Amino acid sequence: MFRGNHPAKVDEKGRLKLPAAFKQLLDAQNVTEFYITSPDGKSAEIWPLPVWEERERKLAKIGTLNKMVKKYVKVTSYFGQQVEVDNQARVLIPQILRDKASLDSDVTVFGKMNYLEVNNRANFELDLPAIEMSEDECEALSDLINPAS
């Protein structure tokens, strides 16, 4: 389970060194291959390949005739590439995604439960006020997590 935020850098060749806390979790599961993609081009998602393959199986059950699935598969294929971690714990972010999401230097790597999300740090910090949760949203979330018996 990935959680938290780890500041990092994407080098001039487009490689991201996986933060140590996340790398330890991946090593424990013997994960060395990933699918890196995005549903919108605003950030990169780094999926352990076995988790991504399970997602593909679920999408296949829904079927590619479903318009949402068709759009999702098209966009995530456009931005996506299967990659392998190198011996220095780095993964190559696809060029098209680096360009679109401005993943060219300082980034934030967020644990999003079963995948990692990579954002341009400056852009994310500019957008932060817009994604802060209201008091009502916090209460609604609490109700979802702790439903009344």
N, C-alpha and C. Protein backbone atom coordinates (compact mmCIF):
# COMPACT_ATOMS: atom_id res chain seq x y z
N MET A 1 0.85 -1.18 0.00
CA MET A 1 0.00 0.00 0.00
C MET A 1 0.90 1.24 0.00
N PHE A 2 0.79 2.03 -1.04
CA PHE A 2 1.59 3.25 -1.15
C PHE A 2 0.85 4.41 -0.50
N ARG A 3 1.59 5.18 0.30
CA ARG A 3 0.99 6.36 0.94
C ARG A 3 2.06 7.43 1.15
N GLY A 4 1.60 8.65 1.24
CA GLY A 4 2.49 9.77 1.52
C GLY A 4 3.03 10.45 0.27
N ASN A 5 3.84 11.47 0.50
CA ASN A 5 4.42 12.29 -0.55
C ASN A 5 5.93 12.29 -0.38
N HIS A 6 6.62 12.05 -1.48
CA HIS A 6 8.08 12.05 -1.46
C HIS A 6 8.57 12.94 -2.59
N PRO A 7 9.13 14.11 -2.26
CA PRO A 7 9.71 14.96 -3.31
C PRO A 7 10.84 14.22 -4.02
N ALA A 8 10.97 14.45 -5.31
CA ALA A 8 12.00 13.77 -6.11
C ALA A 8 12.35 14.64 -7.31
N LYS A 9 13.26 14.14 -8.15
CA LYS A 9 13.66 14.84 -9.37
C LYS A 9 13.60 13.88 -10.54
N VAL A 10 13.23 14.42 -11.70
CA VAL A 10 13.34 13.70 -12.96
C VAL A 10 14.61 14.24 -13.60
N ASP A 11 15.54 13.34 -13.97
CA ASP A 11 16.81 13.80 -14.53
C ASP A 11 16.65 14.22 -15.99
N GLU A 12 17.73 14.71 -16.58
CA GLU A 12 17.70 15.25 -17.95
C GLU A 12 17.35 14.19 -18.99
N LYS A 13 17.49 12.92 -18.65
CA LYS A 13 17.13 11.83 -19.57
C LYS A 13 15.70 11.33 -19.34
N GLY A 14 15.00 11.95 -18.38
CA GLY A 14 13.61 11.57 -18.12
C GLY A 14 13.44 10.43 -17.14
N ARG A 15 14.50 10.15 -16.36
CA ARG A 15 14.42 9.05 -15.40
C ARG A 15 14.07 9.58 -14.01
N LEU A 16 13.19 8.85 -13.36
CA LEU A 16 12.79 9.16 -11.99
C LEU A 16 13.33 8.08 -11.07
N LYS A 17 14.09 8.48 -10.06
CA LYS A 17 14.53 7.52 -9.05
C LYS A 17 13.37 7.31 -8.09
N LEU A 18 12.94 6.06 -7.98
CA LEU A 18 11.83 5.75 -7.09
C LEU A 18 12.22 6.05 -5.64
N PRO A 19 11.40 6.80 -4.90
CA PRO A 19 11.70 7.08 -3.50
C PRO A 19 11.90 5.77 -2.71
N ALA A 20 12.86 5.79 -1.80
CA ALA A 20 13.25 4.59 -1.06
C ALA A 20 12.08 3.91 -0.37
N ALA A 21 11.18 4.69 0.22
CA ALA A 21 10.04 4.09 0.93
C ALA A 21 9.17 3.27 -0.02
N PHE A 22 8.97 3.77 -1.23
CA PHE A 22 8.17 3.04 -2.21
C PHE A 22 8.96 1.88 -2.80
N LYS A 23 10.23 2.08 -3.01
CA LYS A 23 11.08 1.02 -3.58
C LYS A 23 11.11 -0.19 -2.64
N GLN A 24 11.16 0.04 -1.35
CA GLN A 24 11.16 -1.07 -0.39
C GLN A 24 9.89 -1.91 -0.51
N LEU A 25 8.74 -1.25 -0.66
CA LEU A 25 7.47 -1.96 -0.81
C LEU A 25 7.47 -2.79 -2.10
N LEU A 26 8.01 -2.20 -3.17
CA LEU A 26 8.05 -2.90 -4.46
C LEU A 26 9.02 -4.08 -4.40
N ASP A 27 10.16 -3.90 -3.75
CA ASP A 27 11.13 -4.99 -3.61
C ASP A 27 10.53 -6.16 -2.83
N ALA A 28 9.76 -5.84 -1.80
CA ALA A 28 9.14 -6.90 -0.99
C ALA A 28 8.18 -7.74 -1.81
N GLN A 29 7.64 -7.16 -2.88
CA GLN A 29 6.71 -7.88 -3.75
C GLN A 29 7.39 -8.35 -5.04
N ASN A 30 8.71 -8.17 -5.13
CA ASN A 30 9.50 -8.54 -6.32
C ASN A 30 8.97 -7.90 -7.60
N VAL A 31 8.57 -6.63 -7.52
CA VAL A 31 8.07 -5.91 -8.68
C VAL A 31 9.22 -5.14 -9.32
N THR A 32 9.46 -5.41 -10.62
CA THR A 32 10.52 -4.70 -11.35
C THR A 32 10.00 -4.08 -12.64
N GLU A 33 8.74 -4.40 -13.00
CA GLU A 33 8.17 -3.85 -14.23
C GLU A 33 6.93 -3.02 -13.88
N PHE A 34 6.76 -1.95 -14.68
CA PHE A 34 5.69 -0.99 -14.42
C PHE A 34 5.02 -0.58 -15.72
N TYR A 35 3.81 -0.09 -15.58
CA TYR A 35 3.14 0.58 -16.70
C TYR A 35 3.00 2.03 -16.25
N ILE A 36 3.61 2.93 -17.01
CA ILE A 36 3.54 4.36 -16.69
C ILE A 36 2.62 5.00 -17.71
N THR A 37 1.62 5.74 -17.20
CA THR A 37 0.60 6.31 -18.07
C THR A 37 -0.04 7.51 -17.40
N SER A 38 -1.12 7.98 -18.01
CA SER A 38 -1.92 9.07 -17.43
C SER A 38 -3.31 9.03 -18.05
N PRO A 39 -4.34 9.30 -17.26
CA PRO A 39 -5.69 9.38 -17.83
C PRO A 39 -6.00 10.77 -18.40
N ASP A 40 -5.10 11.76 -18.15
CA ASP A 40 -5.39 13.13 -18.57
C ASP A 40 -4.17 13.95 -18.99
N GLY A 41 -2.97 13.42 -18.86
CA GLY A 41 -1.77 14.15 -19.24
C GLY A 41 -1.32 15.19 -18.23
N LYS A 42 -1.99 15.28 -17.09
CA LYS A 42 -1.61 16.27 -16.08
C LYS A 42 -0.59 15.74 -15.09
N SER A 43 -0.52 14.43 -14.96
CA SER A 43 0.43 13.79 -14.06
C SER A 43 0.71 12.40 -14.61
N ALA A 44 1.75 11.78 -14.08
CA ALA A 44 2.08 10.41 -14.49
C ALA A 44 1.61 9.46 -13.40
N GLU A 45 1.09 8.31 -13.82
CA GLU A 45 0.75 7.24 -12.89
C GLU A 45 1.71 6.09 -13.14
N ILE A 46 2.33 5.62 -12.07
CA ILE A 46 3.26 4.49 -12.16
C ILE A 46 2.60 3.30 -11.49
N TRP A 47 2.18 2.36 -12.32
CA TRP A 47 1.47 1.17 -11.85
C TRP A 47 2.41 -0.02 -11.84
N PRO A 48 2.53 -0.73 -10.70
CA PRO A 48 3.22 -2.02 -10.76
C PRO A 48 2.52 -2.86 -11.84
N LEU A 49 3.29 -3.48 -12.72
CA LEU A 49 2.69 -4.17 -13.86
C LEU A 49 1.61 -5.18 -13.46
N PRO A 50 1.81 -5.99 -12.41
CA PRO A 50 0.74 -6.93 -12.04
C PRO A 50 -0.58 -6.22 -11.67
N VAL A 51 -0.48 -5.06 -11.04
CA VAL A 51 -1.68 -4.31 -10.65
C VAL A 51 -2.34 -3.73 -11.91
N TRP A 52 -1.53 -3.21 -12.84
CA TRP A 52 -2.08 -2.68 -14.09
C TRP A 52 -2.76 -3.80 -14.90
N GLU A 53 -2.13 -4.97 -14.95
CA GLU A 53 -2.72 -6.09 -15.69
C GLU A 53 -4.07 -6.50 -15.11
N GLU A 54 -4.21 -6.44 -13.79
CA GLU A 54 -5.50 -6.72 -13.16
C GLU A 54 -6.52 -5.66 -13.57
N ARG A 55 -6.09 -4.42 -13.63
CA ARG A 55 -6.97 -3.34 -14.07
C ARG A 55 -7.43 -3.59 -15.51
N GLU A 56 -6.51 -4.03 -16.37
CA GLU A 56 -6.85 -4.34 -17.77
C GLU A 56 -7.88 -5.48 -17.84
N ARG A 57 -7.72 -6.48 -16.97
CA ARG A 57 -8.69 -7.58 -16.96
C ARG A 57 -10.08 -7.06 -16.59
N LYS A 58 -10.14 -6.17 -15.62
CA LYS A 58 -11.44 -5.61 -15.22
C LYS A 58 -12.04 -4.78 -16.35
N LEU A 59 -11.21 -4.00 -17.03
CA LEU A 59 -11.69 -3.20 -18.15
C LEU A 59 -12.18 -4.11 -19.29
N ALA A 60 -11.46 -5.21 -19.53
CA ALA A 60 -11.84 -6.14 -20.59
C ALA A 60 -13.21 -6.77 -20.29
N LYS A 61 -13.49 -7.03 -19.01
CA LYS A 61 -14.79 -7.60 -18.64
C LYS A 61 -15.92 -6.61 -18.94
N ILE A 62 -15.64 -5.33 -18.73
CA ILE A 62 -16.65 -4.31 -19.04
C ILE A 62 -16.83 -4.23 -20.55
N GLY A 63 -15.72 -4.31 -21.26
CA GLY A 63 -15.77 -4.33 -22.72
C GLY A 63 -15.41 -3.02 -23.37
N THR A 64 -14.72 -3.10 -24.50
CA THR A 64 -14.26 -1.91 -25.19
C THR A 64 -15.37 -1.22 -25.98
N LEU A 65 -16.58 -1.78 -25.96
CA LEU A 65 -17.69 -1.09 -26.59
C LEU A 65 -18.25 -0.01 -25.67
N ASN A 66 -17.94 -0.10 -24.38
CA ASN A 66 -18.33 0.92 -23.42
C ASN A 66 -17.53 2.18 -23.74
N LYS A 67 -18.20 3.32 -23.95
CA LYS A 67 -17.53 4.55 -24.37
C LYS A 67 -16.48 5.03 -23.37
N MET A 68 -16.78 4.94 -22.06
CA MET A 68 -15.80 5.38 -21.06
C MET A 68 -14.56 4.51 -21.10
N VAL A 69 -14.75 3.21 -21.19
CA VAL A 69 -13.61 2.28 -21.25
C VAL A 69 -12.80 2.56 -22.50
N LYS A 70 -13.48 2.75 -23.60
CA LYS A 70 -12.79 3.01 -24.88
C LYS A 70 -11.94 4.27 -24.78
N LYS A 71 -12.49 5.34 -24.22
CA LYS A 71 -11.75 6.59 -24.05
C LYS A 71 -10.56 6.39 -23.10
N TYR A 72 -10.81 5.72 -21.98
CA TYR A 72 -9.76 5.51 -20.99
C TYR A 72 -8.61 4.70 -21.59
N VAL A 73 -8.93 3.63 -22.28
CA VAL A 73 -7.89 2.79 -22.89
C VAL A 73 -7.11 3.58 -23.94
N LYS A 74 -7.81 4.37 -24.72
CA LYS A 74 -7.15 5.15 -25.77
C LYS A 74 -6.16 6.16 -25.16
N VAL A 75 -6.61 6.91 -24.16
CA VAL A 75 -5.75 7.92 -23.55
C VAL A 75 -4.60 7.28 -22.78
N THR A 76 -4.88 6.24 -22.01
CA THR A 76 -3.79 5.62 -21.24
C THR A 76 -2.82 4.88 -22.15
N SER A 77 -3.27 4.44 -23.31
CA SER A 77 -2.34 3.86 -24.29
C SER A 77 -1.49 4.94 -24.93
N TYR A 78 -2.09 6.08 -25.24
CA TYR A 78 -1.37 7.20 -25.85
C TYR A 78 -0.20 7.64 -24.96
N PHE A 79 -0.49 7.82 -23.68
CA PHE A 79 0.54 8.28 -22.75
C PHE A 79 1.39 7.14 -22.18
N GLY A 80 0.99 5.90 -22.37
CA GLY A 80 1.57 4.79 -21.63
C GLY A 80 2.75 4.09 -22.27
N GLN A 81 3.57 3.52 -21.40
CA GLN A 81 4.69 2.66 -21.78
C GLN A 81 4.97 1.70 -20.64
N GLN A 82 5.29 0.48 -21.03
CA GLN A 82 5.74 -0.50 -20.05
C GLN A 82 7.24 -0.30 -19.88
N VAL A 83 7.69 -0.22 -18.63
CA VAL A 83 9.11 0.01 -18.34
C VAL A 83 9.59 -0.94 -17.26
N GLU A 84 10.91 -1.05 -17.19
CA GLU A 84 11.53 -1.86 -16.16
C GLU A 84 12.41 -0.95 -15.32
N VAL A 85 12.44 -1.18 -14.03
CA VAL A 85 13.30 -0.40 -13.15
C VAL A 85 14.75 -0.78 -13.43
N ASP A 86 15.66 0.21 -13.44
CA ASP A 86 17.06 -0.11 -13.68
C ASP A 86 17.76 -0.44 -12.36
N ASN A 87 19.05 -0.74 -12.42
CA ASN A 87 19.77 -1.16 -11.20
C ASN A 87 20.02 -0.02 -10.23
N GLN A 88 19.65 1.21 -10.60
CA GLN A 88 19.75 2.35 -9.69
C GLN A 88 18.36 2.80 -9.22
N ALA A 89 17.37 1.94 -9.36
CA ALA A 89 15.99 2.18 -8.92
C ALA A 89 15.33 3.33 -9.67
N ARG A 90 15.64 3.46 -10.97
CA ARG A 90 15.05 4.52 -11.79
C ARG A 90 14.12 3.92 -12.84
N VAL A 91 13.07 4.69 -13.15
CA VAL A 91 12.17 4.34 -14.25
C VAL A 91 12.14 5.51 -15.22
N LEU A 92 11.97 5.19 -16.49
CA LEU A 92 11.92 6.21 -17.53
C LEU A 92 10.48 6.64 -17.74
N ILE A 93 10.22 7.92 -17.53
CA ILE A 93 8.89 8.48 -17.77
C ILE A 93 8.78 8.70 -19.29
N PRO A 94 7.71 8.23 -19.94
CA PRO A 94 7.58 8.42 -21.39
C PRO A 94 7.69 9.90 -21.79
N GLN A 95 8.42 10.17 -22.86
CA GLN A 95 8.68 11.54 -23.31
C GLN A 95 7.40 12.34 -23.52
N ILE A 96 6.43 11.76 -24.18
CA ILE A 96 5.18 12.48 -24.46
C ILE A 96 4.49 12.90 -23.16
N LEU A 97 4.57 12.08 -22.14
CA LEU A 97 3.97 12.39 -20.85
C LEU A 97 4.81 13.41 -20.09
N ARG A 98 6.13 13.29 -20.17
CA ARG A 98 7.00 14.29 -19.53
C ARG A 98 6.69 15.68 -20.09
N ASP A 99 6.55 15.76 -21.41
CA ASP A 99 6.29 17.05 -22.03
C ASP A 99 4.92 17.60 -21.63
N LYS A 100 3.88 16.79 -21.72
CA LYS A 100 2.52 17.23 -21.44
C LYS A 100 2.34 17.64 -19.97
N ALA A 101 2.92 16.89 -19.04
CA ALA A 101 2.73 17.12 -17.61
C ALA A 101 3.86 17.95 -16.99
N SER A 102 4.80 18.42 -17.81
CA SER A 102 5.94 19.21 -17.33
C SER A 102 6.73 18.49 -16.24
N LEU A 103 7.01 17.23 -16.48
CA LEU A 103 7.77 16.43 -15.51
C LEU A 103 9.24 16.48 -15.90
N ASP A 104 9.85 17.65 -15.68
CA ASP A 104 11.20 17.86 -16.17
C ASP A 104 12.23 18.15 -15.09
N SER A 105 11.84 18.20 -13.86
CA SER A 105 12.81 18.44 -12.79
C SER A 105 12.20 18.06 -11.45
N ASP A 106 11.84 19.06 -10.66
CA ASP A 106 11.29 18.80 -9.33
C ASP A 106 9.86 18.28 -9.42
N VAL A 107 9.63 17.13 -8.80
CA VAL A 107 8.31 16.50 -8.82
C VAL A 107 7.92 16.05 -7.42
N THR A 108 6.66 15.74 -7.28
CA THR A 108 6.17 15.09 -6.07
C THR A 108 5.72 13.69 -6.47
N VAL A 109 6.05 12.71 -5.66
CA VAL A 109 5.65 11.33 -5.91
C VAL A 109 4.72 10.94 -4.76
N PHE A 110 3.44 10.81 -5.10
CA PHE A 110 2.41 10.49 -4.11
C PHE A 110 2.08 9.02 -4.14
N GLY A 111 1.94 8.44 -2.95
CA GLY A 111 1.39 7.10 -2.84
C GLY A 111 -0.12 7.20 -2.97
N LYS A 112 -0.70 6.47 -3.92
CA LYS A 112 -2.14 6.50 -4.16
C LYS A 112 -2.72 5.09 -3.96
N MET A 113 -2.37 4.48 -2.85
CA MET A 113 -2.79 3.14 -2.45
C MET A 113 -2.11 2.07 -3.30
N ASN A 114 -2.57 1.85 -4.55
CA ASN A 114 -1.98 0.75 -5.33
C ASN A 114 -1.16 1.22 -6.52
N TYR A 115 -0.91 2.53 -6.65
CA TYR A 115 -0.03 3.06 -7.67
C TYR A 115 0.60 4.35 -7.16
N LEU A 116 1.56 4.88 -7.91
CA LEU A 116 2.22 6.14 -7.57
C LEU A 116 1.78 7.20 -8.57
N GLU A 117 1.65 8.43 -8.09
CA GLU A 117 1.31 9.55 -8.97
C GLU A 117 2.44 10.56 -8.91
N VAL A 118 2.89 11.01 -10.09
CA VAL A 118 4.01 11.96 -10.18
C VAL A 118 3.48 13.26 -10.77
N ASN A 119 3.70 14.36 -10.03
CA ASN A 119 3.25 15.68 -10.45
C ASN A 119 4.42 16.65 -10.49
N ASN A 120 4.36 17.62 -11.40
CA ASN A 120 5.28 18.74 -11.37
C ASN A 120 5.04 19.44 -10.03
N ARG A 121 6.09 19.61 -9.24
CA ARG A 121 5.92 20.12 -7.88
C ARG A 121 5.36 21.54 -7.86
N ALA A 122 5.90 22.44 -8.67
CA ALA A 122 5.44 23.83 -8.67
C ALA A 122 3.98 23.92 -9.10
N ASN A 123 3.61 23.18 -10.15
CA ASN A 123 2.22 23.19 -10.61
C ASN A 123 1.28 22.64 -9.56
N PHE A 124 1.70 21.56 -8.89
CA PHE A 124 0.85 20.97 -7.87
C PHE A 124 0.62 21.96 -6.73
N GLU A 125 1.68 22.64 -6.31
CA GLU A 125 1.55 23.59 -5.20
C GLU A 125 0.64 24.76 -5.57
N LEU A 126 0.68 25.18 -6.84
CA LEU A 126 -0.23 26.24 -7.31
C LEU A 126 -1.69 25.77 -7.25
N ASP A 127 -1.93 24.50 -7.56
CA ASP A 127 -3.29 23.95 -7.58
C ASP A 127 -3.79 23.51 -6.21
N LEU A 128 -2.90 23.47 -5.23
CA LEU A 128 -3.26 22.93 -3.91
C LEU A 128 -4.47 23.60 -3.27
N PRO A 129 -4.61 24.92 -3.30
CA PRO A 129 -5.81 25.51 -2.67
C PRO A 129 -7.12 25.02 -3.29
N ALA A 130 -7.11 24.71 -4.57
CA ALA A 130 -8.34 24.27 -5.24
C ALA A 130 -8.74 22.85 -4.85
N ILE A 131 -7.80 22.06 -4.33
CA ILE A 131 -8.15 20.67 -3.99
C ILE A 131 -8.27 20.43 -2.48
N GLU A 132 -8.11 21.50 -1.69
CA GLU A 132 -8.29 21.33 -0.26
C GLU A 132 -9.75 20.97 0.02
N MET A 133 -9.94 20.08 0.97
CA MET A 133 -11.29 19.60 1.29
C MET A 133 -12.01 20.58 2.20
N SER A 134 -13.29 20.79 1.90
CA SER A 134 -14.13 21.64 2.74
C SER A 134 -14.54 20.84 3.98
N GLU A 135 -15.10 21.55 4.92
CA GLU A 135 -15.60 20.88 6.13
C GLU A 135 -16.70 19.88 5.78
N ASP A 136 -17.59 20.26 4.85
CA ASP A 136 -18.66 19.36 4.43
C ASP A 136 -18.10 18.10 3.77
N GLU A 137 -17.08 18.26 2.95
CA GLU A 137 -16.46 17.10 2.29
C GLU A 137 -15.80 16.19 3.32
N CYS A 138 -15.16 16.78 4.32
CA CYS A 138 -14.54 15.97 5.38
C CYS A 138 -15.59 15.17 6.14
N GLU A 139 -16.72 15.80 6.43
CA GLU A 139 -17.80 15.10 7.13
C GLU A 139 -18.38 13.99 6.26
N ALA A 140 -18.58 14.27 4.97
CA ALA A 140 -19.13 13.25 4.06
C ALA A 140 -18.17 12.07 3.94
N LEU A 141 -16.88 12.35 3.87
CA LEU A 141 -15.89 11.28 3.81
C LEU A 141 -15.92 10.46 5.09
N SER A 142 -16.02 11.14 6.22
CA SER A 142 -16.10 10.43 7.49
C SER A 142 -17.30 9.49 7.52
N ASP A 143 -18.42 9.96 6.98
CA ASP A 143 -19.62 9.12 6.94
C ASP A 143 -19.43 7.91 6.03
N LEU A 144 -18.67 8.08 4.93
CA LEU A 144 -18.40 6.96 4.03
C LEU A 144 -17.51 5.91 4.70
N ILE A 145 -16.51 6.41 5.44
CA ILE A 145 -15.55 5.51 6.09
C ILE A 145 -16.17 4.85 7.32
N ASN A 146 -16.96 5.62 8.05
CA ASN A 146 -17.56 5.14 9.30
C ASN A 146 -19.08 5.26 9.22
N PRO A 147 -19.73 4.41 8.40
CA PRO A 147 -21.20 4.51 8.27
C PRO A 147 -21.89 4.22 9.60
N ALA A 148 -23.00 4.88 9.80
CA ALA A 148 -23.79 4.65 11.03
C ALA A 148 -24.34 3.23 10.99
N SER A 149 -24.32 2.58 12.14
CA SER A 149 -24.81 1.20 12.21
C SER A 149 -26.29 1.14 12.29
